[in-house]
């Protein structure tokens, strides 16, 4: 059900990109915006699929005799495989982007392919995030919703300001904590 939505959004942004490139006259270097939006929709799909799956099907699966571990493993695999397939379809959408942008007269297209290894990691991250959000909502109901909403709003409102904490000239305790955590996670890669 998400594939037509992703294709529609990607096609809309591909056409908008082609029209803007043609009208502005800047047809030398244009990015593949349709494919990028396809990747974004695929990521949201991976999260929302599992939020809905856990919220709607967990109780039914347990009542029908499924073991919790089997249900969670099956849900994890379903979310990961479907998200990975959607991300790989985004790579195929690049051909549609190229075709439409070439019709608009764009000479140099900035290509942004997604490597399958990165797609697998992104799909796994979206799957884990979706399972976590679904479990929070399932367990805590309205309170869980407001907790997730609060975290989302904090990231949206203060995410850009949080990056200034990583500057080395900041020496307050909060900045040191964030810098040490960033250094720890950077060391893991």
Protein backbone atom coordinates (compact mmCIF):
# COMPACT_ATOMS: atom_id res chain seq x y z
CA UNK A 1 0.00 0.00 0.00
CA UNK A 2 2.94 2.32 0.49
CA UNK A 3 4.47 1.79 -2.93
CA UNK A 4 1.88 3.88 -4.84
CA UNK A 5 2.22 6.66 -2.26
CA UNK A 6 6.02 6.63 -2.54
CA UNK A 7 5.81 6.59 -6.33
CA UNK A 8 3.30 9.46 -6.36
CA UNK A 9 5.40 11.63 -4.03
CA UNK A 10 8.58 10.82 -5.93
CA UNK A 11 6.94 11.58 -9.28
CA UNK A 12 5.55 14.86 -7.94
CA UNK A 13 8.97 15.99 -6.74
CA UNK A 14 10.65 14.79 -9.92
CA UNK A 15 8.24 16.87 -12.02
CA UNK A 16 8.60 19.89 -9.69
CA UNK A 17 12.39 19.62 -9.89
CA UNK A 18 12.25 19.42 -13.70
CA UNK A 19 9.88 22.41 -13.93
CA UNK A 20 11.99 24.53 -11.57
CA UNK A 21 15.17 23.61 -13.43
CA UNK A 22 13.59 24.46 -16.77
CA UNK A 23 11.97 27.73 -15.65
CA UNK A 24 15.02 28.97 -13.76
CA UNK A 25 17.32 28.12 -16.66
CA UNK A 26 19.76 26.38 -14.29
CA UNK A 27 19.92 23.04 -16.03
CA UNK A 28 23.57 22.28 -15.36
CA UNK A 29 23.46 20.39 -12.05
CA UNK A 30 20.13 19.16 -10.73
CA UNK A 31 19.76 16.55 -7.96
CA UNK A 32 17.53 13.49 -8.14
CA UNK A 33 14.90 14.79 -5.73
CA UNK A 34 12.37 12.10 -6.59
CA UNK A 35 14.71 9.32 -5.51
CA UNK A 36 15.62 11.17 -2.32
CA UNK A 37 11.93 11.54 -1.44
CA UNK A 38 11.42 7.87 -2.29
CA UNK A 39 14.12 7.01 0.29
CA UNK A 40 12.46 9.24 2.90
CA UNK A 41 9.02 7.72 2.33
CA UNK A 42 10.57 4.24 2.54
CA UNK A 43 12.10 5.12 5.91
CA UNK A 44 8.82 6.44 7.27
CA UNK A 45 7.11 3.35 5.88
CA UNK A 46 9.48 1.12 7.83
CA UNK A 47 8.74 2.96 11.07
CA UNK A 48 4.98 3.30 10.64
CA UNK A 49 4.51 -0.29 9.46
CA UNK A 50 5.86 -1.62 12.71
CA UNK A 51 4.14 0.93 14.92
CA UNK A 52 0.84 -0.16 13.44
CA UNK A 53 1.76 -3.84 13.38
CA UNK A 54 2.70 -3.97 17.05
CA UNK A 55 -0.22 -1.78 18.10
CA UNK A 56 -2.84 -3.77 16.19
CA UNK A 57 -1.55 -7.33 15.94
CA UNK A 58 0.44 -8.06 19.10
CA UNK A 59 -2.56 -8.90 21.29
CA UNK A 60 -4.20 -10.91 18.53
CA UNK A 61 -1.02 -12.90 17.93
CA UNK A 62 -0.65 -13.70 21.63
CA UNK A 63 -4.33 -14.69 21.94
CA UNK A 64 -3.96 -16.94 18.92
CA UNK A 65 -1.13 -18.84 20.61
CA UNK A 66 1.96 -17.17 19.15
CA UNK A 67 5.03 -16.97 21.33
CA UNK A 68 6.21 -13.39 21.99
CA UNK A 69 9.72 -14.11 20.76
CA UNK A 70 8.47 -15.66 17.52
CA UNK A 71 6.14 -12.72 16.95
CA UNK A 72 8.88 -10.16 17.52
CA UNK A 73 11.38 -11.98 15.29
CA UNK A 74 8.78 -12.33 12.53
CA UNK A 75 7.83 -8.66 12.89
CA UNK A 76 11.48 -7.59 12.84
CA UNK A 77 12.11 -9.60 9.67
CA UNK A 78 8.93 -8.32 8.01
CA UNK A 79 9.82 -4.71 8.78
CA UNK A 80 13.44 -5.06 7.73
CA UNK A 81 12.75 -6.88 4.46
CA UNK A 82 9.92 -4.55 3.43
CA UNK A 83 11.94 -1.42 4.28
CA UNK A 84 14.98 -2.76 2.44
CA UNK A 85 12.90 -3.55 -0.65
CA UNK A 86 11.39 -0.05 -0.57
CA UNK A 87 14.86 1.53 -0.32
CA UNK A 88 16.13 -0.55 -3.24
CA UNK A 89 13.08 0.48 -5.28
CA UNK A 90 14.26 4.04 -4.62
CA UNK A 91 17.43 3.15 -6.51
CA UNK A 92 15.30 2.02 -9.44
CA UNK A 93 13.33 5.27 -9.25
CA UNK A 94 16.54 7.07 -10.20
CA UNK A 95 15.97 5.91 -13.79
CA UNK A 96 12.57 7.65 -13.82
CA UNK A 97 14.26 10.77 -12.41
CA UNK A 98 16.87 10.70 -15.14
CA UNK A 99 14.26 10.22 -17.85
CA UNK A 100 12.05 13.11 -16.68
CA UNK A 101 15.00 15.43 -16.06
CA UNK A 102 16.47 14.64 -19.48
CA UNK A 103 13.09 15.50 -21.04
CA UNK A 104 13.31 18.86 -19.27
CA UNK A 105 16.71 19.45 -20.84
CA UNK A 106 18.90 18.96 -17.77
CA UNK A 107 22.43 18.22 -18.87
CA UNK A 108 24.10 17.26 -15.58
CA UNK A 109 22.14 15.24 -13.02
CA UNK A 110 23.58 14.87 -9.53
CA UNK A 111 23.24 11.15 -8.89
CA UNK A 112 22.65 9.92 -5.34
CA UNK A 113 22.50 6.11 -5.37
CA UNK A 114 22.02 4.27 -2.10
CA UNK A 115 24.46 1.41 -1.59
CA UNK A 116 22.70 -1.85 -0.59
CA UNK A 117 24.84 -2.10 2.56
CA UNK A 118 23.74 1.33 3.71
CA UNK A 119 20.16 0.50 2.75
CA UNK A 120 20.28 -2.62 4.94
CA UNK A 121 21.53 -0.59 7.93
CA UNK A 122 18.98 2.19 7.36
CA UNK A 123 16.19 -0.38 7.03
CA UNK A 124 17.29 -2.05 10.26
CA UNK A 125 17.41 1.31 12.05
CA UNK A 126 13.91 2.21 10.84
CA UNK A 127 12.68 -1.22 11.87
CA UNK A 128 14.13 -0.97 15.37
CA UNK A 129 12.80 2.58 15.78
CA UNK A 130 9.35 1.44 14.63
CA UNK A 131 9.34 -1.49 17.03
CA UNK A 132 10.46 0.75 19.90
CA UNK A 133 7.80 3.39 19.21
CA UNK A 134 5.15 0.69 18.74
CA UNK A 135 6.13 -0.99 22.02
CA UNK A 136 6.03 2.34 23.89
CA UNK A 137 2.61 3.17 22.46
CA UNK A 138 1.31 -0.34 23.10
CA UNK A 139 2.55 -0.45 26.68
CA UNK A 140 1.80 3.10 27.86
CA UNK A 141 -1.07 4.21 25.58
CA UNK A 142 -1.79 7.95 25.71
CA UNK A 143 1.10 8.65 28.07
CA UNK A 144 3.44 6.88 25.64
CA UNK A 145 2.06 8.93 22.78
CA UNK A 146 2.79 12.17 24.61
CA UNK A 147 6.26 10.94 25.52
CA UNK A 148 7.04 10.13 21.88
CA UNK A 149 5.49 13.44 20.79
CA UNK A 150 7.64 15.32 23.34
CA UNK A 151 10.83 13.63 22.13
CA UNK A 152 9.88 14.39 18.51
CA UNK A 153 9.18 18.05 19.28
CA UNK A 154 12.43 18.38 21.26
CA UNK A 155 14.40 17.05 18.28
CA UNK A 156 12.53 19.29 15.83
CA UNK A 157 12.84 22.45 17.94
CA UNK A 158 16.30 22.05 19.44
CA UNK A 159 18.13 19.71 17.06
CA UNK A 160 19.99 22.51 15.28
CA UNK A 161 20.99 24.16 18.54
CA UNK A 162 22.26 20.85 19.91
CA UNK A 163 24.91 20.71 17.20
CA UNK A 164 26.51 23.88 18.61
CA UNK A 165 27.25 21.92 21.78
CA UNK A 166 29.74 19.81 19.84
CA UNK A 167 32.03 22.78 19.22
CA UNK A 168 35.33 22.31 21.08
CA UNK A 169 35.32 25.84 22.53
CA UNK A 170 32.30 24.97 24.72
CA UNK A 171 33.51 23.92 28.17
CA UNK A 172 30.37 23.76 30.32
CA UNK A 173 29.39 20.44 31.88
CA UNK A 174 26.51 19.76 29.48
CA UNK A 175 28.78 20.35 26.48
CA UNK A 176 31.43 18.04 27.94
CA UNK A 177 28.88 15.27 28.47
CA UNK A 178 27.56 15.57 24.90
CA UNK A 179 31.10 15.78 23.48
CA UNK A 180 32.21 12.68 25.36
CA UNK A 181 29.11 10.75 24.20
CA UNK A 182 29.71 11.88 20.61
CA UNK A 183 33.36 10.80 20.88
CA UNK A 184 32.31 7.42 22.29
CA UNK A 185 29.81 6.76 19.48
CA UNK A 186 32.24 8.04 16.85
CA UNK A 187 34.82 5.58 18.19
CA UNK A 188 32.41 2.69 17.61
CA UNK A 189 32.35 3.22 13.84
